[in-house]
Amino acid sequence: MEKILILFVLTVTLFADKGVVVKEDVCGTGNAIIETTDGWYIAAEHYSGVYLYEGDIVVGKMKTYGFQQIMRISDGSEGRFYIEDYESNIGDAYEELCD
């Protein structure tokens, strides 16, 4: 089972965006701001599944709009998030989740 999880994580990592959660529970609703490895700030609205915490390394299709699955690398847990927007400035991402 562990080998399957590792293979799945490696496969997802190859075809997805990768980032680190820089703000958790934005506006008290489980939302997160994720900084991708190429410098974008993702405004991710939590709908179901895993909650993300500051410092979590995550992968998923994040530089897009709409519902996406985001997976926490450390344990393979997934959550369904609505990508509100992706911004070059963390303040703009914060505004997307709190307006």
PDB file of N, CA and C in Angstrom:
ATOM      1  N   MET A   1       0.824  -1.192   0.000  1.00  0.00           N
ATOM      2  CA  MET A   1       0.000   0.000   0.000  1.00  0.00           C
ATOM      3  C   MET A   1       0.866   1.252   0.000  1.00  0.00           C
ATOM      4  N   GLU A   2       1.940   1.244   0.775  1.00  0.00           N
ATOM      5  CA  GLU A   2       2.820   2.403   0.850  1.00  0.00           C
ATOM      6  C   GLU A   2       3.453   2.696  -0.509  1.00  0.00           C
ATOM      7  N   LYS A   3       3.817   1.639  -1.240  1.00  0.00           N
ATOM      8  CA  LYS A   3       4.418   1.813  -2.565  1.00  0.00           C
ATOM      9  C   LYS A   3       3.419   2.431  -3.540  1.00  0.00           C
ATOM     10  N   ILE A   4       2.161   2.057  -3.431  1.00  0.00           N
ATOM     11  CA  ILE A   4       1.127   2.621  -4.291  1.00  0.00           C
ATOM     12  C   ILE A   4       0.957   4.100  -4.000  1.00  0.00           C
ATOM     13  N   LEU A   5       0.937   4.478  -2.726  1.00  0.00           N
ATOM     14  CA  LEU A   5       0.802   5.879  -2.346  1.00  0.00           C
ATOM     15  C   LEU A   5       1.983   6.685  -2.863  1.00  0.00           C
ATOM     16  N   ILE A   6       3.195   6.173  -2.731  1.00  0.00           N
ATOM     17  CA  ILE A   6       4.381   6.876  -3.212  1.00  0.00           C
ATOM     18  C   ILE A   6       4.309   7.050  -4.726  1.00  0.00           C
ATOM     19  N   LEU A   7       3.922   6.017  -5.449  1.00  0.00           N
ATOM     20  CA  LEU A   7       3.786   6.099  -6.894  1.00  0.00           C
ATOM     21  C   LEU A   7       2.734   7.125  -7.287  1.00  0.00           C
ATOM     22  N   PHE A   8       1.610   7.137  -6.565  1.00  0.00           N
ATOM     23  CA  PHE A   8       0.546   8.095  -6.842  1.00  0.00           C
ATOM     24  C   PHE A   8       1.035   9.521  -6.614  1.00  0.00           C
ATOM     25  N   VAL A   9       1.723   9.760  -5.510  1.00  0.00           N
ATOM     26  CA  VAL A   9       2.241  11.091  -5.194  1.00  0.00           C
ATOM     27  C   VAL A   9       3.232  11.537  -6.267  1.00  0.00           C
ATOM     28  N   LEU A  10       4.116  10.659  -6.697  1.00  0.00           N
ATOM     29  CA  LEU A  10       5.081  11.012  -7.733  1.00  0.00           C
ATOM     30  C   LEU A  10       4.392  11.329  -9.053  1.00  0.00           C
ATOM     31  N   THR A  11       3.385  10.568  -9.411  1.00  0.00           N
ATOM     32  CA  THR A  11       2.646  10.809 -10.650  1.00  0.00           C
ATOM     33  C   THR A  11       1.915  12.142 -10.600  1.00  0.00           C
ATOM     34  N   VAL A  12       1.212  12.406  -9.500  1.00  0.00           N
ATOM     35  CA  VAL A  12       0.494  13.664  -9.354  1.00  0.00           C
ATOM     36  C   VAL A  12       1.470  14.836  -9.372  1.00  0.00           C
ATOM     37  N   THR A  13       2.613  14.699  -8.719  1.00  0.00           N
ATOM     38  CA  THR A  13       3.595  15.770  -8.641  1.00  0.00           C
ATOM     39  C   THR A  13       4.116  16.145 -10.025  1.00  0.00           C
ATOM     40  N   LEU A  14       4.262  15.184 -10.908  1.00  0.00           N
ATOM     41  CA  LEU A  14       4.780  15.465 -12.244  1.00  0.00           C
ATOM     42  C   LEU A  14       3.835  16.321 -13.077  1.00  0.00           C
ATOM     43  N   PHE A  15       2.537  16.188 -12.873  1.00  0.00           N
ATOM     44  CA  PHE A  15       1.555  16.861 -13.716  1.00  0.00           C
ATOM     45  C   PHE A  15       0.755  17.939 -12.997  1.00  0.00           C
ATOM     46  N   ALA A  16       1.242  18.422 -11.881  1.00  0.00           N
ATOM     47  CA  ALA A  16       0.470  19.361 -11.086  1.00  0.00           C
ATOM     48  C   ALA A  16       1.332  20.537 -10.641  1.00  0.00           C
ATOM     49  N   ASP A  17       0.654  21.532 -10.110  1.00  0.00           N
ATOM     50  CA  ASP A  17       1.346  22.638  -9.470  1.00  0.00           C
ATOM     51  C   ASP A  17       1.723  22.189  -8.056  1.00  0.00           C
ATOM     52  N   LYS A  18       2.803  22.737  -7.555  1.00  0.00           N
ATOM     53  CA  LYS A  18       3.247  22.418  -6.199  1.00  0.00           C
ATOM     54  C   LYS A  18       3.392  23.728  -5.438  1.00  0.00           C
ATOM     55  N   GLY A  19       3.073  23.691  -4.143  1.00  0.00           N
ATOM     56  CA  GLY A  19       3.185  24.899  -3.350  1.00  0.00           C
ATOM     57  C   GLY A  19       3.191  24.613  -1.863  1.00  0.00           C
ATOM     58  N   VAL A  20       3.298  25.691  -1.107  1.00  0.00           N
ATOM     59  CA  VAL A  20       3.280  25.612   0.348  1.00  0.00           C
ATOM     60  C   VAL A  20       2.173  26.538   0.857  1.00  0.00           C
ATOM     61  N   VAL A  21       1.442  26.067   1.850  1.00  0.00           N
ATOM     62  CA  VAL A  21       0.381  26.875   2.448  1.00  0.00           C
ATOM     63  C   VAL A  21       1.033  27.971   3.285  1.00  0.00           C
ATOM     64  N   VAL A  22       0.719  29.239   2.961  1.00  0.00           N
ATOM     65  CA  VAL A  22       1.308  30.366   3.691  1.00  0.00           C
ATOM     66  C   VAL A  22       0.313  31.036   4.630  1.00  0.00           C
ATOM     67  N   LYS A  23      -0.987  30.816   4.410  1.00  0.00           N
ATOM     68  CA  LYS A  23      -2.032  31.322   5.316  1.00  0.00           C
ATOM     69  C   LYS A  23      -3.121  30.277   5.419  1.00  0.00           C
ATOM     70  N   GLU A  24      -3.487  29.949   6.648  1.00  0.00           N
ATOM     71  CA  GLU A  24      -4.552  28.962   6.883  1.00  0.00           C
ATOM     72  C   GLU A  24      -5.775  29.632   7.463  1.00  0.00           C
ATOM     73  N   ASP A  25      -6.914  29.014   7.295  1.00  0.00           N
ATOM     74  CA  ASP A  25      -8.185  29.464   7.862  1.00  0.00           C
ATOM     75  C   ASP A  25      -8.439  30.946   7.590  1.00  0.00           C
ATOM     76  N   VAL A  26      -8.220  31.363   6.352  1.00  0.00           N
ATOM     77  CA  VAL A  26      -8.387  32.764   5.957  1.00  0.00           C
ATOM     78  C   VAL A  26      -9.843  33.166   6.118  1.00  0.00           C
ATOM     79  N   CYS A  27     -10.088  34.200   6.867  1.00  0.00           N
ATOM     80  CA  CYS A  27     -11.424  34.717   7.173  1.00  0.00           C
ATOM     81  C   CYS A  27     -12.265  33.717   7.960  1.00  0.00           C
ATOM     82  N   GLY A  28     -11.623  32.780   8.662  1.00  0.00           N
ATOM     83  CA  GLY A  28     -12.304  31.865   9.570  1.00  0.00           C
ATOM     84  C   GLY A  28     -13.146  30.803   8.908  1.00  0.00           C
ATOM     85  N   THR A  29     -12.872  30.447   7.669  1.00  0.00           N
ATOM     86  CA  THR A  29     -13.729  29.502   6.973  1.00  0.00           C
ATOM     87  C   THR A  29     -12.997  28.284   6.416  1.00  0.00           C
ATOM     88  N   GLY A  30     -11.766  28.053   6.829  1.00  0.00           N
ATOM     89  CA  GLY A  30     -11.007  26.904   6.336  1.00  0.00           C
ATOM     90  C   GLY A  30     -10.310  27.155   5.014  1.00  0.00           C
ATOM     91  N   ASN A  31     -10.441  28.364   4.488  1.00  0.00           N
ATOM     92  CA  ASN A  31      -9.797  28.714   3.230  1.00  0.00           C
ATOM     93  C   ASN A  31      -8.290  28.811   3.427  1.00  0.00           C
ATOM     94  N   ALA A  32      -7.543  28.741   2.335  1.00  0.00           N
ATOM     95  CA  ALA A  32      -6.085  28.788   2.419  1.00  0.00           C
ATOM     96  C   ALA A  32      -5.507  29.631   1.296  1.00  0.00           C
ATOM     97  N   ILE A  33      -4.346  30.198   1.563  1.00  0.00           N
ATOM     98  CA  ILE A  33      -3.547  30.831   0.520  1.00  0.00           C
ATOM     99  C   ILE A  33      -2.301  29.983   0.369  1.00  0.00           C
ATOM    100  N   ILE A  34      -2.040  29.597  -0.875  1.00  0.00           N
ATOM    101  CA  ILE A  34      -0.928  28.716  -1.201  1.00  0.00           C
ATOM    102  C   ILE A  34       0.028  29.469  -2.114  1.00  0.00           C
ATOM    103  N   GLU A  35       1.318  29.443  -1.781  1.00  0.00           N
ATOM    104  CA  GLU A  35       2.321  30.042  -2.651  1.00  0.00           C
ATOM    105  C   GLU A  35       2.927  28.922  -3.497  1.00  0.00           C
ATOM    106  N   THR A  36       2.779  29.019  -4.816  1.00  0.00           N
ATOM    107  CA  THR A  36       3.313  27.991  -5.705  1.00  0.00           C
ATOM    108  C   THR A  36       4.816  28.163  -5.863  1.00  0.00           C
ATOM    109  N   THR A  37       5.461  27.135  -6.369  1.00  0.00           N
ATOM    110  CA  THR A  37       6.913  27.167  -6.538  1.00  0.00           C
ATOM    111  C   THR A  37       7.340  28.219  -7.556  1.00  0.00           C
ATOM    112  N   ASP A  38       6.430  28.644  -8.432  1.00  0.00           N
ATOM    113  CA  ASP A  38       6.789  29.684  -9.389  1.00  0.00           C
ATOM    114  C   ASP A  38       6.275  31.066  -8.987  1.00  0.00           C
ATOM    115  N   GLY A  39       5.880  31.231  -7.703  1.00  0.00           N
ATOM    116  CA  GLY A  39       5.607  32.549  -7.151  1.00  0.00           C
ATOM    117  C   GLY A  39       4.183  33.060  -7.183  1.00  0.00           C
ATOM    118  N   TRP A  40       3.222  32.268  -7.581  1.00  0.00           N
ATOM    119  CA  TRP A  40       1.828  32.694  -7.560  1.00  0.00           C
ATOM    120  C   TRP A  40       1.212  32.428  -6.191  1.00  0.00           C
ATOM    121  N   TYR A  41       0.249  33.263  -5.808  1.00  0.00           N
ATOM    122  CA  TYR A  41      -0.509  33.070  -4.571  1.00  0.00           C
ATOM    123  C   TYR A  41      -1.914  32.614  -4.958  1.00  0.00           C
ATOM    124  N   ILE A  42      -2.265  31.424  -4.498  1.00  0.00           N
ATOM    125  CA  ILE A  42      -3.539  30.801  -4.857  1.00  0.00           C
ATOM    126  C   ILE A  42      -4.556  31.058  -3.748  1.00  0.00           C
ATOM    127  N   ALA A  43      -5.702  31.626  -4.116  1.00  0.00           N
ATOM    128  CA  ALA A  43      -6.809  31.831  -3.182  1.00  0.00           C
ATOM    129  C   ALA A  43      -7.719  30.610  -3.285  1.00  0.00           C
ATOM    130  N   ALA A  44      -7.611  29.694  -2.314  1.00  0.00           N
ATOM    131  CA  ALA A  44      -8.325  28.414  -2.360  1.00  0.00           C
ATOM    132  C   ALA A  44      -9.410  28.364  -1.290  1.00  0.00           C
ATOM    133  N   GLU A  45     -10.654  28.271  -1.747  1.00  0.00           N
ATOM    134  CA  GLU A  45     -11.810  28.222  -0.841  1.00  0.00           C
ATOM    135  C   GLU A  45     -12.147  26.770  -0.521  1.00  0.00           C
ATOM    136  N   HIS A  46     -12.132  26.416   0.759  1.00  0.00           N
ATOM    137  CA  HIS A  46     -12.369  25.038   1.192  1.00  0.00           C
ATOM    138  C   HIS A  46     -13.833  24.655   1.046  1.00  0.00           C
ATOM    139  N   TYR A  47     -14.068  23.469   0.473  1.00  0.00           N
ATOM    140  CA  TYR A  47     -15.427  22.940   0.362  1.00  0.00           C
ATOM    141  C   TYR A  47     -15.591  21.629   1.099  1.00  0.00           C
ATOM    142  N   SER A  48     -14.603  20.738   0.990  1.00  0.00           N
ATOM    143  CA  SER A  48     -14.715  19.460   1.689  1.00  0.00           C
ATOM    144  C   SER A  48     -13.344  18.810   1.788  1.00  0.00           C
ATOM    145  N   GLY A  49     -13.269  17.798   2.638  1.00  0.00           N
ATOM    146  CA  GLY A  49     -12.025  17.053   2.782  1.00  0.00           C
ATOM    147  C   GLY A  49     -11.046  17.719   3.725  1.00  0.00           C
ATOM    148  N   VAL A  50      -9.773  17.467   3.487  1.00  0.00           N
ATOM    149  CA  VAL A  50      -8.707  17.883   4.387  1.00  0.00           C
ATOM    150  C   VAL A  50      -8.634  19.412   4.531  1.00  0.00           C
ATOM    151  N   TYR A  51      -8.370  19.846   5.742  1.00  0.00           N
ATOM    152  CA  TYR A  51      -8.052  21.249   5.979  1.00  0.00           C
ATOM    153  C   TYR A  51      -6.542  21.403   5.853  1.00  0.00           C
ATOM    154  N   LEU A  52      -6.125  22.512   5.300  1.00  0.00           N
ATOM    155  CA  LEU A  52      -4.698  22.766   5.106  1.00  0.00           C
ATOM    156  C   LEU A  52      -4.183  23.702   6.185  1.00  0.00           C
ATOM    157  N   TYR A  53      -2.926  23.486   6.583  1.00  0.00           N
ATOM    158  CA  TYR A  53      -2.300  24.281   7.640  1.00  0.00           C
ATOM    159  C   TYR A  53      -1.002  24.886   7.134  1.00  0.00           C
ATOM    160  N   GLU A  54      -0.639  26.039   7.713  1.00  0.00           N
ATOM    161  CA  GLU A  54       0.594  26.711   7.310  1.00  0.00           C
ATOM    162  C   GLU A  54       1.761  25.735   7.336  1.00  0.00           C
ATOM    163  N   GLY A  55       2.538  25.760   6.268  1.00  0.00           N
ATOM    164  CA  GLY A  55       3.685  24.883   6.147  1.00  0.00           C
ATOM    165  C   GLY A  55       3.419  23.596   5.384  1.00  0.00           C
ATOM    166  N   ASP A  56       2.140  23.235   5.184  1.00  0.00           N
ATOM    167  CA  ASP A  56       1.821  22.036   4.403  1.00  0.00           C
ATOM    168  C   ASP A  56       2.308  22.206   2.966  1.00  0.00           C
ATOM    169  N   ILE A  57       2.943  21.179   2.437  1.00  0.00           N
ATOM    170  CA  ILE A  57       3.325  21.136   1.027  1.00  0.00           C
ATOM    171  C   ILE A  57       2.189  20.438   0.294  1.00  0.00           C
ATOM    172  N   VAL A  58       1.701  21.069  -0.768  1.00  0.00           N
ATOM    173  CA  VAL A  58       0.535  20.550  -1.475  1.00  0.00           C
ATOM    174  C   VAL A  58       0.783  20.496  -2.976  1.00  0.00           C
ATOM    175  N   VAL A  59       0.010  19.629  -3.633  1.00  0.00           N
ATOM    176  CA  VAL A  59       0.028  19.548  -5.092  1.00  0.00           C
ATOM    177  C   VAL A  59      -1.398  19.494  -5.608  1.00  0.00           C
ATOM    178  N   GLY A  60      -1.560  19.945  -6.837  1.00  0.00           N
ATOM    179  CA  GLY A  60      -2.866  19.918  -7.481  1.00  0.00           C
ATOM    180  C   GLY A  60      -2.881  20.918  -8.613  1.00  0.00           C
ATOM    181  N   LYS A  61      -3.945  20.928  -9.353  1.00  0.00           N
ATOM    182  CA  LYS A  61      -4.101  21.895 -10.434  1.00  0.00           C
ATOM    183  C   LYS A  61      -4.607  23.190  -9.801  1.00  0.00           C
ATOM    184  N   MET A  62      -3.679  24.119  -9.537  1.00  0.00           N
ATOM    185  CA  MET A  62      -4.043  25.309  -8.769  1.00  0.00           C
ATOM    186  C   MET A  62      -4.091  26.592  -9.588  1.00  0.00           C
ATOM    187  N   LYS A  63      -3.385  26.656 -10.701  1.00  0.00           N
ATOM    188  CA  LYS A  63      -3.396  27.871 -11.509  1.00  0.00           C
ATOM    189  C   LYS A  63      -4.491  27.777 -12.572  1.00  0.00           C
ATOM    190  N   THR A  64      -5.709  27.720 -12.054  1.00  0.00           N
ATOM    191  CA  THR A  64      -6.914  27.612 -12.865  1.00  0.00           C
ATOM    192  C   THR A  64      -8.072  28.111 -11.997  1.00  0.00           C
ATOM    193  N   TYR A  65      -9.242  28.164 -12.546  1.00  0.00           N
ATOM    194  CA  TYR A  65     -10.409  28.574 -11.770  1.00  0.00           C
ATOM    195  C   TYR A  65     -11.355  27.393 -11.616  1.00  0.00           C
ATOM    196  N   GLY A  66     -12.113  27.409 -10.523  1.00  0.00           N
ATOM    197  CA  GLY A  66     -13.114  26.380 -10.317  1.00  0.00           C
ATOM    198  C   GLY A  66     -12.694  25.323  -9.312  1.00  0.00           C
ATOM    199  N   PHE A  67     -13.477  24.259  -9.230  1.00  0.00           N
ATOM    200  CA  PHE A  67     -13.244  23.196  -8.251  1.00  0.00           C
ATOM    201  C   PHE A  67     -12.045  22.343  -8.644  1.00  0.00           C
ATOM    202  N   GLN A  68     -11.172  22.089  -7.656  1.00  0.00           N
ATOM    203  CA  GLN A  68      -9.980  21.273  -7.859  1.00  0.00           C
ATOM    204  C   GLN A  68      -9.722  20.443  -6.612  1.00  0.00           C
ATOM    205  N   GLN A  69      -9.086  19.300  -6.797  1.00  0.00           N
ATOM    206  CA  GLN A  69      -8.610  18.489  -5.679  1.00  0.00           C
ATOM    207  C   GLN A  69      -7.185  18.927  -5.371  1.00  0.00           C
ATOM    208  N   ILE A  70      -6.912  19.204  -4.106  1.00  0.00           N
ATOM    209  CA  ILE A  70      -5.571  19.558  -3.662  1.00  0.00           C
ATOM    210  C   ILE A  70      -5.140  18.512  -2.642  1.00  0.00           C
ATOM    211  N   MET A  71      -3.944  17.993  -2.829  1.00  0.00           N
ATOM    212  CA  MET A  71      -3.449  16.919  -1.972  1.00  0.00           C
ATOM    213  C   MET A  71      -2.268  17.398  -1.135  1.00  0.00           C
ATOM    214  N   ARG A  72      -2.336  17.069   0.168  1.00  0.00           N
ATOM    215  CA  ARG A  72      -1.215  17.326   1.081  1.00  0.00           C
ATOM    216  C   ARG A  72      -0.210  16.192   0.892  1.00  0.00           C
ATOM    217  N   ILE A  73       1.033  16.546   0.576  1.00  0.00           N
ATOM    218  CA  ILE A  73       2.078  15.561   0.269  1.00  0.00           C
ATOM    219  C   ILE A  73       2.392  14.660   1.464  1.00  0.00           C
ATOM    220  N   SER A  74       2.429  15.200   2.661  1.00  0.00           N
ATOM    221  CA  SER A  74       2.901  14.436   3.824  1.00  0.00           C
ATOM    222  C   SER A  74       2.105  13.164   4.092  1.00  0.00           C
ATOM    223  N   ASP A  75       0.802  13.188   3.809  1.00  0.00           N
ATOM    224  CA  ASP A  75      -0.006  11.994   4.109  1.00  0.00           C
ATOM    225  C   ASP A  75      -0.961  11.587   2.988  1.00  0.00           C
ATOM    226  N   GLY A  76      -0.946  12.304   1.883  1.00  0.00           N
ATOM    227  CA  GLY A  76      -1.811  11.958   0.754  1.00  0.00           C
ATOM    228  C   GLY A  76      -3.260  12.356   0.923  1.00  0.00           C
ATOM    229  N   SER A  77      -3.588  13.089   1.996  1.00  0.00           N
ATOM    230  CA  SER A  77      -4.970  13.525   2.217  1.00  0.00           C
ATOM    231  C   SER A  77      -5.348  14.581   1.181  1.00  0.00           C
ATOM    232  N   GLU A  78      -6.608  14.526   0.737  1.00  0.00           N
ATOM    233  CA  GLU A  78      -7.083  15.452  -0.278  1.00  0.00           C
ATOM    234  C   GLU A  78      -8.276  16.250   0.206  1.00  0.00           C
ATOM    235  N   GLY A  79      -8.433  17.406  -0.401  1.00  0.00           N
ATOM    236  CA  GLY A  79      -9.592  18.233  -0.145  1.00  0.00           C
ATOM    237  C   GLY A  79     -10.092  18.832  -1.441  1.00  0.00           C
ATOM    238  N   ARG A  80     -11.352  19.186  -1.437  1.00  0.00           N
ATOM    239  CA  ARG A  80     -11.952  19.837  -2.603  1.00  0.00           C
ATOM    240  C   ARG A  80     -11.968  21.338  -2.317  1.00  0.00           C
ATOM    241  N   PHE A  81     -11.328  22.092  -3.200  1.00  0.00           N
ATOM    242  CA  PHE A  81     -11.218  23.532  -3.052  1.00  0.00           C
ATOM    243  C   PHE A  81     -11.698  24.218  -4.320  1.00  0.00           C
ATOM    244  N   TYR A  82     -12.290  25.394  -4.131  1.00  0.00           N
ATOM    245  CA  TYR A  82     -12.653  26.229  -5.274  1.00  0.00           C
ATOM    246  C   TYR A  82     -11.559  27.260  -5.428  1.00  0.00           C
ATOM    247  N   ILE A  83     -10.898  27.268  -6.560  1.00  0.00           N
ATOM    248  CA  ILE A  83      -9.830  28.239  -6.804  1.00  0.00           C
ATOM    249  C   ILE A  83     -10.486  29.535  -7.248  1.00  0.00           C
ATOM    250  N   GLU A  84     -10.488  30.498  -6.326  1.00  0.00           N
ATOM    251  CA  GLU A  84     -11.081  31.810  -6.598  1.00  0.00           C
ATOM    252  C   GLU A  84     -10.249  32.577  -7.616  1.00  0.00           C
ATOM    253  N   ASP A  85      -8.934  32.528  -7.423  1.00  0.00           N
ATOM    254  CA  ASP A  85      -8.034  33.287  -8.288  1.00  0.00           C
ATOM    255  C   ASP A  85      -6.603  32.912  -7.961  1.00  0.00           C
ATOM    256  N   TYR A  86      -5.693  33.288  -8.811  1.00  0.00           N
ATOM    257  CA  TYR A  86      -4.267  33.194  -8.515  1.00  0.00           C
ATOM    258  C   TYR A  86      -3.657  34.550  -8.832  1.00  0.00           C
ATOM    259  N   GLU A  87      -2.884  35.042  -7.887  1.00  0.00           N
ATOM    260  CA  GLU A  87      -2.392  36.416  -7.918  1.00  0.00           C
ATOM    261  C   GLU A  87      -0.880  36.451  -7.733  1.00  0.00           C
ATOM    262  N   SER A  88      -0.272  37.547  -8.161  1.00  0.00           N
ATOM    263  CA  SER A  88       1.167  37.731  -7.956  1.00  0.00           C
ATOM    264  C   SER A  88       1.458  38.382  -6.602  1.00  0.00           C
ATOM    265  N   ASN A  89       0.398  38.805  -5.903  1.00  0.00           N
ATOM    266  CA  ASN A  89       0.539  39.491  -4.622  1.00  0.00           C
ATOM    267  C   ASN A  89      -0.336  38.791  -3.577  1.00  0.00           C
ATOM    268  N   ILE A  90       0.238  38.506  -2.412  1.00  0.00           N
ATOM    269  CA  ILE A  90      -0.523  37.795  -1.367  1.00  0.00           C
ATOM    270  C   ILE A  90      -1.719  38.608  -0.877  1.00  0.00           C
ATOM    271  N   GLY A  91      -1.596  39.925  -0.850  1.00  0.00           N
ATOM    272  CA  GLY A  91      -2.707  40.777  -0.417  1.00  0.00           C
ATOM    273  C   GLY A  91      -3.912  40.645  -1.324  1.00  0.00           C
ATOM    274  N   ASP A  92      -3.671  40.554  -2.630  1.00  0.00           N
ATOM    275  CA  ASP A  92      -4.764  40.388  -3.582  1.00  0.00           C
ATOM    276  C   ASP A  92      -5.451  39.031  -3.398  1.00  0.00           C
ATOM    277  N   ALA A  93      -4.672  37.992  -3.131  1.00  0.00           N
ATOM    278  CA  ALA A  93      -5.249  36.667  -2.883  1.00  0.00           C
ATOM    279  C   ALA A  93      -6.109  36.691  -1.628  1.00  0.00           C
ATOM    280  N   TYR A  94      -5.641  37.373  -0.597  1.00  0.00           N
ATOM    281  CA  TYR A  94      -6.395  37.512   0.651  1.00  0.00           C
ATOM    282  C   TYR A  94      -7.737  38.196   0.390  1.00  0.00           C
ATOM    283  N   GLU A  95      -7.722  39.270  -0.397  1.00  0.00           N
ATOM    284  CA  GLU A  95      -8.961  39.987  -0.715  1.00  0.00           C
ATOM    285  C   GLU A  95      -9.957  39.113  -1.453  1.00  0.00           C
ATOM    286  N   GLU A  96      -9.465  38.245  -2.337  1.00  0.00           N
ATOM    287  CA  GLU A  96     -10.351  37.349  -3.077  1.00  0.00           C
ATOM    288  C   GLU A  96     -11.164  36.454  -2.139  1.00  0.00           C
ATOM    289  N   LEU A  97     -10.545  36.017  -1.045  1.00  0.00           N
ATOM    290  CA  LEU A  97     -11.214  35.108  -0.118  1.00  0.00           C
ATOM    291  C   LEU A  97     -12.075  35.822   0.906  1.00  0.00           C
ATOM    292  N   CYS A  98     -11.829  37.102   1.120  1.00  0.00           N
ATOM    293  CA  CYS A  98     -12.509  37.804   2.212  1.00  0.00           C
ATOM    294  C   CYS A  98     -13.522  38.850   1.769  1.00  0.00           C
ATOM    295  N   ASP A  99     -13.750  38.993   0.476  1.00  0.00           N
ATOM    296  CA  ASP A  99     -14.734  40.004   0.071  1.00  0.00           C
ATOM    297  C   ASP A  99     -16.111  39.449  -0.066  1.00  0.00           C
TER     298      ASP A  99
END
